[in-house]
N, C-alpha and C. Protein backbone atom coordinates (compact mmCIF):
# COMPACT_ATOMS: atom_id res chain seq x y z
N MET A 1 -11.37 17.79 11.81
CA MET A 1 -12.32 17.93 10.73
C MET A 1 -11.60 17.81 9.39
N SER A 2 -12.16 17.04 8.50
CA SER A 2 -11.56 16.83 7.19
C SER A 2 -11.77 18.05 6.30
N THR A 3 -10.76 18.35 5.50
CA THR A 3 -10.85 19.45 4.55
C THR A 3 -11.27 18.88 3.20
N LEU A 4 -11.72 19.75 2.31
CA LEU A 4 -12.05 19.33 0.96
C LEU A 4 -10.83 18.72 0.29
N LYS A 5 -9.67 19.34 0.50
CA LYS A 5 -8.43 18.81 -0.06
C LYS A 5 -8.20 17.38 0.44
N GLY A 6 -8.34 17.17 1.74
CA GLY A 6 -8.13 15.84 2.32
C GLY A 6 -9.11 14.82 1.77
N LEU A 7 -10.37 15.20 1.65
CA LEU A 7 -11.39 14.27 1.14
C LEU A 7 -11.13 13.91 -0.32
N LEU A 8 -10.78 14.91 -1.13
CA LEU A 8 -10.47 14.65 -2.55
C LEU A 8 -9.22 13.79 -2.68
N PHE A 9 -8.19 14.13 -1.93
CA PHE A 9 -6.96 13.35 -2.00
C PHE A 9 -7.21 11.92 -1.57
N ASN A 10 -7.98 11.73 -0.52
CA ASN A 10 -8.27 10.38 -0.03
C ASN A 10 -8.99 9.57 -1.12
N GLN A 11 -9.90 10.21 -1.84
CA GLN A 11 -10.62 9.53 -2.93
C GLN A 11 -9.64 9.05 -4.00
N TYR A 12 -8.69 9.90 -4.39
CA TYR A 12 -7.76 9.54 -5.45
C TYR A 12 -6.65 8.60 -4.95
N VAL A 13 -6.32 8.68 -3.67
CA VAL A 13 -5.41 7.69 -3.07
C VAL A 13 -6.08 6.33 -3.09
N ALA A 14 -7.38 6.29 -2.76
CA ALA A 14 -8.13 5.02 -2.78
C ALA A 14 -8.10 4.42 -4.19
N GLU A 15 -8.29 5.26 -5.21
CA GLU A 15 -8.22 4.78 -6.59
C GLU A 15 -6.84 4.21 -6.90
N GLY A 16 -5.81 4.92 -6.47
CA GLY A 16 -4.44 4.46 -6.73
C GLY A 16 -4.14 3.14 -6.05
N LEU A 17 -4.56 3.00 -4.78
CA LEU A 17 -4.30 1.75 -4.06
C LEU A 17 -5.11 0.59 -4.66
N THR A 18 -6.35 0.86 -5.07
CA THR A 18 -7.14 -0.19 -5.72
C THR A 18 -6.49 -0.63 -7.02
N SER A 19 -5.94 0.31 -7.75
CA SER A 19 -5.24 0.00 -8.99
C SER A 19 -4.03 -0.89 -8.73
N ILE A 20 -3.30 -0.62 -7.65
CA ILE A 20 -2.13 -1.44 -7.29
C ILE A 20 -2.57 -2.84 -6.88
N VAL A 21 -3.67 -2.94 -6.13
CA VAL A 21 -4.18 -4.27 -5.74
C VAL A 21 -4.50 -5.07 -7.01
N GLU A 22 -5.18 -4.44 -7.95
CA GLU A 22 -5.53 -5.12 -9.21
C GLU A 22 -4.27 -5.52 -9.99
N GLU A 23 -3.28 -4.65 -10.00
CA GLU A 23 -2.02 -4.96 -10.67
C GLU A 23 -1.35 -6.17 -10.04
N MET A 24 -1.28 -6.21 -8.72
CA MET A 24 -0.65 -7.32 -8.02
C MET A 24 -1.46 -8.62 -8.17
N GLN A 25 -2.77 -8.48 -8.17
CA GLN A 25 -3.61 -9.67 -8.35
C GLN A 25 -3.45 -10.26 -9.75
N SER A 26 -3.21 -9.41 -10.74
CA SER A 26 -3.01 -9.94 -12.09
C SER A 26 -1.59 -10.48 -12.27
N LYS A 27 -0.65 -9.94 -11.55
CA LYS A 27 0.75 -10.37 -11.64
C LYS A 27 0.99 -11.66 -10.86
N TYR A 28 0.34 -11.78 -9.70
CA TYR A 28 0.51 -12.94 -8.83
C TYR A 28 -0.82 -13.69 -8.75
N THR A 29 -1.03 -14.48 -7.72
CA THR A 29 -2.27 -15.24 -7.58
C THR A 29 -3.29 -14.39 -6.83
N ALA A 30 -4.42 -14.12 -7.46
CA ALA A 30 -5.47 -13.30 -6.84
C ALA A 30 -6.14 -14.08 -5.72
N LYS A 31 -6.45 -13.37 -4.64
CA LYS A 31 -7.22 -13.93 -3.53
C LYS A 31 -8.44 -13.02 -3.34
N LYS A 32 -9.30 -13.39 -2.41
CA LYS A 32 -10.50 -12.59 -2.16
C LYS A 32 -10.14 -11.21 -1.62
N GLY A 33 -11.01 -10.26 -1.92
CA GLY A 33 -10.83 -8.92 -1.39
C GLY A 33 -9.62 -8.23 -1.97
N ARG A 34 -8.86 -7.60 -1.11
CA ARG A 34 -7.69 -6.80 -1.51
C ARG A 34 -6.40 -7.58 -1.26
N ARG A 35 -6.45 -8.90 -1.51
CA ARG A 35 -5.32 -9.77 -1.20
C ARG A 35 -4.80 -10.47 -2.46
N PHE A 36 -3.53 -10.87 -2.39
CA PHE A 36 -2.92 -11.68 -3.43
C PHE A 36 -1.87 -12.57 -2.77
N ASN A 37 -1.48 -13.63 -3.47
CA ASN A 37 -0.51 -14.57 -2.93
C ASN A 37 0.67 -14.68 -3.88
N TYR A 38 1.85 -14.66 -3.29
CA TYR A 38 3.07 -14.87 -4.05
C TYR A 38 4.05 -15.67 -3.21
N ASN A 39 4.58 -16.74 -3.78
CA ASN A 39 5.59 -17.56 -3.13
C ASN A 39 5.14 -18.05 -1.75
N ASN A 40 3.89 -18.52 -1.70
CA ASN A 40 3.30 -19.08 -0.48
C ASN A 40 3.10 -18.05 0.64
N VAL A 41 3.02 -16.78 0.29
CA VAL A 41 2.75 -15.73 1.27
C VAL A 41 1.59 -14.89 0.74
N THR A 42 0.59 -14.67 1.59
CA THR A 42 -0.56 -13.83 1.23
C THR A 42 -0.30 -12.41 1.70
N TYR A 43 -0.56 -11.47 0.80
CA TYR A 43 -0.39 -10.04 1.07
C TYR A 43 -1.74 -9.36 1.00
N GLU A 44 -1.90 -8.27 1.75
CA GLU A 44 -3.14 -7.50 1.71
C GLU A 44 -2.80 -6.02 1.79
N VAL A 45 -3.54 -5.23 1.02
CA VAL A 45 -3.38 -3.78 1.03
C VAL A 45 -4.71 -3.19 1.50
N SER A 46 -4.65 -2.39 2.56
CA SER A 46 -5.88 -1.81 3.12
C SER A 46 -6.39 -0.65 2.28
N ARG A 47 -7.56 -0.20 2.61
CA ARG A 47 -8.07 1.04 2.04
C ARG A 47 -7.44 2.19 2.84
N PRO A 48 -7.31 3.36 2.24
CA PRO A 48 -6.70 4.48 2.96
C PRO A 48 -7.67 5.13 3.94
N THR A 49 -7.09 5.77 4.92
CA THR A 49 -7.88 6.60 5.83
C THR A 49 -7.22 7.97 5.91
N LEU A 50 -8.03 8.97 6.16
CA LEU A 50 -7.56 10.34 6.29
C LEU A 50 -7.54 10.68 7.77
N SER A 51 -6.38 11.11 8.27
CA SER A 51 -6.26 11.41 9.69
C SER A 51 -5.33 12.60 9.89
N GLU A 52 -5.88 13.71 10.35
CA GLU A 52 -5.11 14.90 10.70
C GLU A 52 -4.08 15.31 9.65
N GLY A 53 -4.53 15.46 8.42
CA GLY A 53 -3.66 15.94 7.36
C GLY A 53 -2.73 14.88 6.77
N THR A 54 -2.96 13.62 7.12
CA THR A 54 -2.16 12.55 6.54
C THR A 54 -3.07 11.46 5.99
N ILE A 55 -2.54 10.75 5.03
CA ILE A 55 -3.19 9.57 4.49
C ILE A 55 -2.48 8.37 5.10
N GLU A 56 -3.24 7.42 5.61
CA GLU A 56 -2.67 6.22 6.20
C GLU A 56 -3.19 5.00 5.46
N TYR A 57 -2.34 4.02 5.28
CA TYR A 57 -2.76 2.73 4.75
C TYR A 57 -1.81 1.66 5.27
N GLU A 58 -2.28 0.41 5.23
CA GLU A 58 -1.49 -0.70 5.74
C GLU A 58 -1.25 -1.73 4.64
N ILE A 59 -0.09 -2.34 4.73
CA ILE A 59 0.24 -3.50 3.90
C ILE A 59 0.64 -4.60 4.87
N SER A 60 0.06 -5.76 4.68
CA SER A 60 0.41 -6.87 5.56
C SER A 60 0.75 -8.10 4.76
N SER A 61 1.51 -8.98 5.38
CA SER A 61 1.84 -10.26 4.77
C SER A 61 1.73 -11.34 5.84
N LYS A 62 1.15 -12.44 5.42
CA LYS A 62 0.96 -13.57 6.33
C LYS A 62 2.30 -14.26 6.54
N ILE A 63 2.58 -14.62 7.78
CA ILE A 63 3.78 -15.40 8.06
C ILE A 63 3.46 -16.84 7.66
N PRO A 64 4.28 -17.44 6.79
CA PRO A 64 3.96 -18.78 6.26
C PRO A 64 4.05 -19.87 7.34
N GLU A 65 2.89 -20.17 7.95
CA GLU A 65 2.84 -21.10 9.08
C GLU A 65 3.17 -22.53 8.69
N ASN A 66 2.99 -22.88 7.42
CA ASN A 66 3.34 -24.25 7.02
C ASN A 66 4.86 -24.43 6.93
N GLU A 67 5.61 -23.32 6.92
CA GLU A 67 7.07 -23.40 6.89
C GLU A 67 7.68 -23.06 8.25
N ILE A 68 6.97 -22.26 9.02
CA ILE A 68 7.47 -21.78 10.31
C ILE A 68 6.45 -22.17 11.37
N LYS A 69 6.83 -23.02 12.30
CA LYS A 69 5.86 -23.65 13.19
C LYS A 69 5.76 -23.02 14.58
N THR A 70 6.87 -22.77 15.23
CA THR A 70 6.82 -22.36 16.64
C THR A 70 6.69 -20.84 16.78
N PRO A 71 6.16 -20.40 17.90
CA PRO A 71 6.08 -18.95 18.15
C PRO A 71 7.45 -18.27 18.12
N LYS A 72 8.47 -18.97 18.59
CA LYS A 72 9.83 -18.40 18.58
C LYS A 72 10.31 -18.20 17.14
N GLU A 73 10.05 -19.18 16.26
CA GLU A 73 10.43 -19.06 14.85
C GLU A 73 9.65 -17.94 14.18
N MET A 74 8.37 -17.81 14.54
CA MET A 74 7.55 -16.74 13.96
C MET A 74 8.07 -15.38 14.37
N GLN A 75 8.46 -15.25 15.62
CA GLN A 75 9.01 -13.98 16.10
C GLN A 75 10.33 -13.68 15.38
N ALA A 76 11.15 -14.70 15.18
CA ALA A 76 12.41 -14.52 14.46
C ALA A 76 12.14 -14.11 13.01
N PHE A 77 11.13 -14.72 12.39
CA PHE A 77 10.75 -14.36 11.03
C PHE A 77 10.33 -12.89 10.98
N PHE A 78 9.48 -12.49 11.92
CA PHE A 78 9.02 -11.10 11.98
C PHE A 78 10.20 -10.14 12.14
N GLN A 79 11.12 -10.44 13.04
CA GLN A 79 12.26 -9.55 13.28
C GLN A 79 13.12 -9.41 12.03
N GLN A 80 13.30 -10.51 11.29
CA GLN A 80 14.08 -10.45 10.05
C GLN A 80 13.37 -9.59 9.00
N VAL A 81 12.06 -9.81 8.82
CA VAL A 81 11.30 -9.01 7.86
C VAL A 81 11.39 -7.53 8.25
N LYS A 82 11.22 -7.27 9.52
CA LYS A 82 11.28 -5.89 10.04
C LYS A 82 12.63 -5.25 9.70
N LYS A 83 13.70 -6.01 9.87
CA LYS A 83 15.04 -5.51 9.58
C LYS A 83 15.18 -5.17 8.08
N PHE A 84 14.71 -6.06 7.22
CA PHE A 84 14.83 -5.82 5.77
C PHE A 84 13.93 -4.67 5.32
N VAL A 85 12.72 -4.59 5.85
CA VAL A 85 11.79 -3.52 5.45
C VAL A 85 12.32 -2.15 5.87
N SER A 86 13.06 -2.11 6.96
CA SER A 86 13.60 -0.85 7.48
C SER A 86 14.62 -0.21 6.54
N THR A 87 15.11 -0.98 5.57
CA THR A 87 16.11 -0.44 4.65
C THR A 87 15.51 0.13 3.38
N GLY A 88 14.18 0.07 3.23
CA GLY A 88 13.52 0.56 2.02
C GLY A 88 13.50 2.07 1.93
N ASP A 89 13.13 2.58 0.75
CA ASP A 89 13.05 4.02 0.53
C ASP A 89 11.94 4.67 1.34
N PHE A 90 10.79 4.01 1.42
CA PHE A 90 9.64 4.55 2.13
C PHE A 90 9.41 3.70 3.36
N LYS A 91 9.93 4.15 4.48
CA LYS A 91 9.85 3.36 5.70
C LYS A 91 8.46 3.48 6.34
N PRO A 92 7.97 2.36 6.87
CA PRO A 92 6.66 2.40 7.53
C PRO A 92 6.71 3.19 8.82
N GLU A 93 5.58 3.75 9.18
CA GLU A 93 5.44 4.47 10.44
C GLU A 93 5.52 3.49 11.61
N SER A 94 4.93 2.32 11.43
CA SER A 94 5.03 1.28 12.46
C SER A 94 5.04 -0.10 11.80
N MET A 95 5.64 -1.05 12.51
CA MET A 95 5.71 -2.44 12.06
C MET A 95 5.31 -3.31 13.25
N GLU A 96 4.30 -4.13 13.05
CA GLU A 96 3.82 -4.97 14.14
C GLU A 96 3.61 -6.40 13.64
N MET A 97 3.70 -7.32 14.59
CA MET A 97 3.29 -8.69 14.31
C MET A 97 1.92 -8.83 14.93
N GLU A 98 0.95 -9.17 14.10
CA GLU A 98 -0.43 -9.21 14.56
C GLU A 98 -0.98 -10.63 14.42
N ASN A 99 -1.72 -11.05 15.41
CA ASN A 99 -2.39 -12.36 15.37
C ASN A 99 -3.86 -12.12 15.08
N ILE A 100 -4.36 -12.81 14.08
CA ILE A 100 -5.77 -12.70 13.73
C ILE A 100 -6.40 -14.07 13.91
N VAL A 101 -7.48 -14.12 14.66
CA VAL A 101 -8.19 -15.38 14.86
C VAL A 101 -9.52 -15.28 14.14
N TRP A 102 -9.76 -16.24 13.27
CA TRP A 102 -11.01 -16.29 12.52
C TRP A 102 -11.91 -17.34 13.16
N ASP A 103 -13.13 -16.98 13.45
CA ASP A 103 -14.10 -17.93 14.01
C ASP A 103 -15.31 -17.91 13.10
N TYR A 104 -15.33 -18.82 12.15
CA TYR A 104 -16.39 -18.83 11.16
C TYR A 104 -17.54 -19.70 11.64
N LYS A 105 -18.66 -19.06 11.96
CA LYS A 105 -19.86 -19.74 12.44
C LYS A 105 -19.59 -20.64 13.63
N ASN A 106 -18.64 -20.24 14.47
CA ASN A 106 -18.26 -20.99 15.68
C ASN A 106 -17.87 -22.43 15.40
N GLU A 107 -17.49 -22.73 14.19
CA GLU A 107 -17.11 -24.10 13.83
C GLU A 107 -15.60 -24.29 13.87
N THR A 108 -14.86 -23.33 13.35
CA THR A 108 -13.41 -23.48 13.31
C THR A 108 -12.74 -22.19 13.72
N GLU A 109 -11.58 -22.34 14.28
CA GLU A 109 -10.76 -21.18 14.59
C GLU A 109 -9.43 -21.35 13.88
N LYS A 110 -9.03 -20.31 13.21
CA LYS A 110 -7.74 -20.33 12.53
C LYS A 110 -6.93 -19.16 13.05
N LYS A 111 -5.79 -19.46 13.57
CA LYS A 111 -4.90 -18.41 14.05
C LYS A 111 -3.89 -18.11 12.95
N ARG A 112 -3.78 -16.86 12.58
CA ARG A 112 -2.86 -16.46 11.53
C ARG A 112 -2.01 -15.31 12.05
N ASP A 113 -0.74 -15.41 11.81
CA ASP A 113 0.18 -14.35 12.21
C ASP A 113 0.58 -13.54 10.98
N TYR A 114 0.54 -12.24 11.14
CA TYR A 114 0.83 -11.32 10.04
C TYR A 114 1.90 -10.32 10.43
N VAL A 115 2.65 -9.88 9.43
CA VAL A 115 3.50 -8.71 9.55
C VAL A 115 2.64 -7.56 9.03
N LYS A 116 2.41 -6.56 9.86
CA LYS A 116 1.55 -5.44 9.48
C LYS A 116 2.37 -4.15 9.48
N LEU A 117 2.38 -3.48 8.33
CA LEU A 117 3.13 -2.24 8.16
C LEU A 117 2.16 -1.09 7.95
N LEU A 118 2.32 -0.04 8.73
CA LEU A 118 1.49 1.16 8.60
C LEU A 118 2.31 2.27 7.95
N TYR A 119 1.75 2.85 6.90
CA TYR A 119 2.40 3.96 6.21
C TYR A 119 1.56 5.22 6.37
N LYS A 120 2.23 6.34 6.59
CA LYS A 120 1.57 7.64 6.70
C LYS A 120 2.27 8.62 5.76
N LEU A 121 1.46 9.33 5.00
CA LEU A 121 1.99 10.34 4.09
C LEU A 121 1.23 11.64 4.29
N HIS A 122 1.96 12.71 4.44
CA HIS A 122 1.32 14.03 4.55
C HIS A 122 0.71 14.37 3.20
N LEU A 123 -0.41 15.05 3.21
CA LEU A 123 -1.12 15.39 1.96
C LEU A 123 -0.21 16.12 0.96
N ASP A 124 0.63 17.02 1.45
CA ASP A 124 1.48 17.79 0.55
C ASP A 124 2.62 16.96 -0.05
N ASP A 125 2.87 15.77 0.48
CA ASP A 125 3.91 14.90 -0.06
C ASP A 125 3.38 14.02 -1.19
N LEU A 126 2.10 14.16 -1.53
CA LEU A 126 1.48 13.31 -2.54
C LEU A 126 1.55 13.90 -3.95
N PHE A 127 2.16 15.06 -4.09
CA PHE A 127 2.35 15.64 -5.42
C PHE A 127 3.54 16.57 -5.40
N ASP A 128 4.11 16.79 -6.56
CA ASP A 128 5.26 17.67 -6.72
C ASP A 128 4.80 18.88 -7.51
N ASN A 129 4.92 20.07 -6.92
CA ASN A 129 4.44 21.29 -7.57
C ASN A 129 5.02 21.48 -8.97
N GLU A 130 6.32 21.25 -9.11
CA GLU A 130 6.97 21.47 -10.40
C GLU A 130 6.43 20.52 -11.47
N GLU A 131 6.22 19.26 -11.09
CA GLU A 131 5.67 18.28 -12.04
C GLU A 131 4.24 18.64 -12.44
N VAL A 132 3.46 19.13 -11.46
CA VAL A 132 2.08 19.52 -11.74
C VAL A 132 2.06 20.68 -12.73
N VAL A 133 2.90 21.68 -12.51
CA VAL A 133 2.96 22.84 -13.40
C VAL A 133 3.37 22.40 -14.80
N LYS A 134 4.37 21.54 -14.89
CA LYS A 134 4.85 21.05 -16.19
C LYS A 134 3.74 20.29 -16.93
N ARG A 135 3.08 19.40 -16.21
CA ARG A 135 2.00 18.61 -16.82
C ARG A 135 0.84 19.52 -17.25
N HIS A 136 0.53 20.49 -16.41
CA HIS A 136 -0.55 21.44 -16.72
C HIS A 136 -0.21 22.26 -17.96
N ASN A 137 1.04 22.72 -18.04
CA ASN A 137 1.46 23.51 -19.21
C ASN A 137 1.37 22.68 -20.49
N ASN A 138 1.73 21.41 -20.42
CA ASN A 138 1.61 20.52 -21.59
C ASN A 138 0.16 20.42 -22.06
N ILE A 139 -0.76 20.31 -21.12
CA ILE A 139 -2.18 20.24 -21.46
C ILE A 139 -2.64 21.55 -22.08
N ARG A 140 -2.21 22.67 -21.51
CA ARG A 140 -2.60 23.99 -22.04
C ARG A 140 -2.08 24.20 -23.46
N GLU A 141 -0.95 23.55 -23.76
CA GLU A 141 -0.37 23.68 -25.11
C GLU A 141 -0.98 22.68 -26.08
N GLY A 142 -1.98 21.93 -25.64
CA GLY A 142 -2.71 21.05 -26.55
C GLY A 142 -2.40 19.57 -26.43
N ALA A 143 -1.48 19.20 -25.55
CA ALA A 143 -1.15 17.78 -25.38
C ALA A 143 -2.31 17.07 -24.69
N LYS A 144 -2.57 15.85 -25.13
CA LYS A 144 -3.62 15.04 -24.49
C LYS A 144 -3.01 14.30 -23.30
N ASP A 145 -3.74 14.25 -22.21
CA ASP A 145 -3.31 13.51 -21.02
C ASP A 145 -4.52 12.75 -20.50
N PRO A 146 -4.76 11.54 -21.02
CA PRO A 146 -5.96 10.79 -20.64
C PRO A 146 -5.97 10.34 -19.17
N ASP A 147 -4.82 10.40 -18.50
CA ASP A 147 -4.77 10.00 -17.10
C ASP A 147 -5.26 11.09 -16.15
N VAL A 148 -5.45 12.29 -16.66
CA VAL A 148 -5.94 13.39 -15.82
C VAL A 148 -7.46 13.30 -15.77
N PRO A 149 -8.01 13.12 -14.56
CA PRO A 149 -9.46 12.98 -14.43
C PRO A 149 -10.16 14.33 -14.59
N HIS A 150 -11.45 14.27 -14.80
CA HIS A 150 -12.24 15.49 -14.73
C HIS A 150 -13.14 15.34 -13.50
N SER A 151 -12.76 16.01 -12.44
CA SER A 151 -13.51 15.94 -11.20
C SER A 151 -14.42 17.16 -11.09
N ALA A 152 -15.69 16.91 -10.80
CA ALA A 152 -16.64 18.01 -10.62
C ALA A 152 -16.30 18.83 -9.37
N SER A 153 -15.46 18.27 -8.51
CA SER A 153 -15.09 18.95 -7.27
C SER A 153 -13.98 19.97 -7.46
N THR A 154 -13.31 19.94 -8.60
CA THR A 154 -12.29 20.95 -8.87
C THR A 154 -12.77 21.81 -10.03
N PHE A 155 -12.41 23.05 -9.99
CA PHE A 155 -12.90 23.99 -11.00
C PHE A 155 -11.87 24.31 -12.07
N THR A 156 -10.67 23.78 -11.91
CA THR A 156 -9.61 24.10 -12.86
C THR A 156 -8.92 22.84 -13.37
N THR A 157 -8.29 22.99 -14.50
CA THR A 157 -7.49 21.89 -15.04
C THR A 157 -6.33 21.59 -14.10
N MET A 158 -5.76 22.62 -13.50
CA MET A 158 -4.65 22.44 -12.56
C MET A 158 -5.08 21.55 -11.40
N GLY A 159 -6.29 21.75 -10.89
CA GLY A 159 -6.80 20.92 -9.80
C GLY A 159 -6.91 19.46 -10.22
N ASN A 160 -7.36 19.24 -11.45
CA ASN A 160 -7.45 17.87 -11.97
C ASN A 160 -6.07 17.24 -12.13
N VAL A 161 -5.10 18.05 -12.54
CA VAL A 161 -3.72 17.55 -12.68
C VAL A 161 -3.18 17.15 -11.31
N VAL A 162 -3.47 17.94 -10.28
CA VAL A 162 -3.03 17.61 -8.92
C VAL A 162 -3.62 16.27 -8.49
N LEU A 163 -4.91 16.05 -8.75
CA LEU A 163 -5.55 14.79 -8.37
C LEU A 163 -4.92 13.60 -9.10
N ALA A 164 -4.59 13.78 -10.37
CA ALA A 164 -3.91 12.72 -11.12
C ALA A 164 -2.54 12.45 -10.52
N ALA A 165 -1.84 13.51 -10.13
CA ALA A 165 -0.51 13.36 -9.52
C ALA A 165 -0.61 12.61 -8.19
N VAL A 166 -1.64 12.91 -7.40
CA VAL A 166 -1.85 12.21 -6.12
C VAL A 166 -2.06 10.72 -6.37
N ARG A 167 -2.92 10.40 -7.31
CA ARG A 167 -3.21 8.99 -7.63
C ARG A 167 -1.94 8.29 -8.12
N ASP A 168 -1.18 8.94 -9.01
CA ASP A 168 0.04 8.32 -9.56
C ASP A 168 1.12 8.18 -8.50
N THR A 169 1.25 9.17 -7.64
CA THR A 169 2.27 9.13 -6.59
C THR A 169 2.01 7.98 -5.63
N ILE A 170 0.77 7.83 -5.17
CA ILE A 170 0.48 6.75 -4.22
C ILE A 170 0.66 5.40 -4.88
N LYS A 171 0.33 5.28 -6.16
CA LYS A 171 0.55 4.01 -6.86
C LYS A 171 2.03 3.64 -6.85
N ASN A 172 2.87 4.60 -7.15
CA ASN A 172 4.32 4.33 -7.19
C ASN A 172 4.87 4.02 -5.80
N ILE A 173 4.44 4.78 -4.81
CA ILE A 173 4.91 4.54 -3.44
C ILE A 173 4.43 3.18 -2.94
N ALA A 174 3.15 2.88 -3.13
CA ALA A 174 2.60 1.60 -2.66
C ALA A 174 3.25 0.42 -3.39
N ARG A 175 3.49 0.57 -4.68
CA ARG A 175 4.17 -0.50 -5.43
C ARG A 175 5.55 -0.76 -4.83
N ASN A 176 6.28 0.32 -4.52
CA ASN A 176 7.60 0.17 -3.89
C ASN A 176 7.48 -0.49 -2.52
N ASN A 177 6.48 -0.08 -1.73
CA ASN A 177 6.26 -0.69 -0.41
C ASN A 177 5.99 -2.18 -0.51
N ILE A 178 5.12 -2.56 -1.44
CA ILE A 178 4.76 -3.97 -1.62
C ILE A 178 5.97 -4.77 -2.10
N ASN A 179 6.68 -4.24 -3.10
CA ASN A 179 7.86 -4.95 -3.60
C ASN A 179 8.93 -5.09 -2.52
N ASN A 180 9.06 -4.09 -1.68
CA ASN A 180 10.01 -4.14 -0.57
C ASN A 180 9.62 -5.24 0.42
N LEU A 181 8.32 -5.35 0.72
CA LEU A 181 7.86 -6.39 1.64
C LEU A 181 8.02 -7.78 1.01
N ILE A 182 7.71 -7.91 -0.27
CA ILE A 182 7.91 -9.19 -0.97
C ILE A 182 9.38 -9.59 -0.91
N ASP A 183 10.27 -8.63 -1.18
CA ASP A 183 11.70 -8.89 -1.14
C ASP A 183 12.15 -9.26 0.28
N ALA A 184 11.61 -8.56 1.28
CA ALA A 184 11.96 -8.86 2.68
C ALA A 184 11.53 -10.27 3.06
N ASN A 185 10.34 -10.67 2.63
CA ASN A 185 9.88 -12.03 2.92
C ASN A 185 10.78 -13.07 2.24
N LYS A 186 11.16 -12.80 1.00
CA LYS A 186 12.03 -13.72 0.26
C LYS A 186 13.38 -13.85 0.95
N LYS A 187 14.00 -12.72 1.31
CA LYS A 187 15.30 -12.73 1.97
C LYS A 187 15.22 -13.42 3.33
N THR A 188 14.12 -13.20 4.03
CA THR A 188 13.94 -13.81 5.36
C THR A 188 13.83 -15.32 5.23
N LYS A 189 13.05 -15.78 4.27
CA LYS A 189 12.94 -17.24 4.07
C LYS A 189 14.32 -17.84 3.77
N GLU A 190 15.08 -17.17 2.91
CA GLU A 190 16.41 -17.66 2.56
C GLU A 190 17.34 -17.66 3.76
N ALA A 191 17.29 -16.59 4.55
CA ALA A 191 18.17 -16.47 5.73
C ALA A 191 17.84 -17.54 6.77
N LEU A 192 16.56 -17.82 6.96
CA LEU A 192 16.17 -18.81 7.97
C LEU A 192 16.43 -20.24 7.51
N LYS A 193 16.43 -20.46 6.20
CA LYS A 193 16.75 -21.80 5.68
C LYS A 193 18.24 -22.06 5.73
N GLY A 194 19.01 -20.99 5.46
CA GLY A 194 20.46 -21.12 5.32
C GLY A 194 21.14 -21.28 6.61
């Protein structure tokens, strides 16, 4: 059963991830939905889900099939990306190579291979108590903080500061995850060409 804390955090994590998608779409080539393209690779960031006290989300990148043709080469590409992603600060809970087949109106089938990374974060890891107290004290002393939302679901300024911290934390973590995957794809392409 979801708690109020979990539901509120999930809402603000969703805002943070949507903000990152918009940031990446403006920085790189925007695609439909929650996707963007950079250096001939399409990336996608999922919406978060709340599961047993953790927030889960996925980041995936398409394996560039116009550069890598055979299943053996695709598997080698995946293994290289997996190796590079494993060295990042925020390691994924799982890394899989997934095949997605699109059948649009039974006219065409497109097989696409993706690197799919699943990240899980415990709710309490989404904010730092000391930072929240510091930010709250600044507000109490009269400092303006336009990034702190006013949620009808929280009754205190401290609660609103926590929600802002959750949103900001997931944005920073997801940005690092995406940049790590972009870097892994770049290094993998270079390694396989060289």
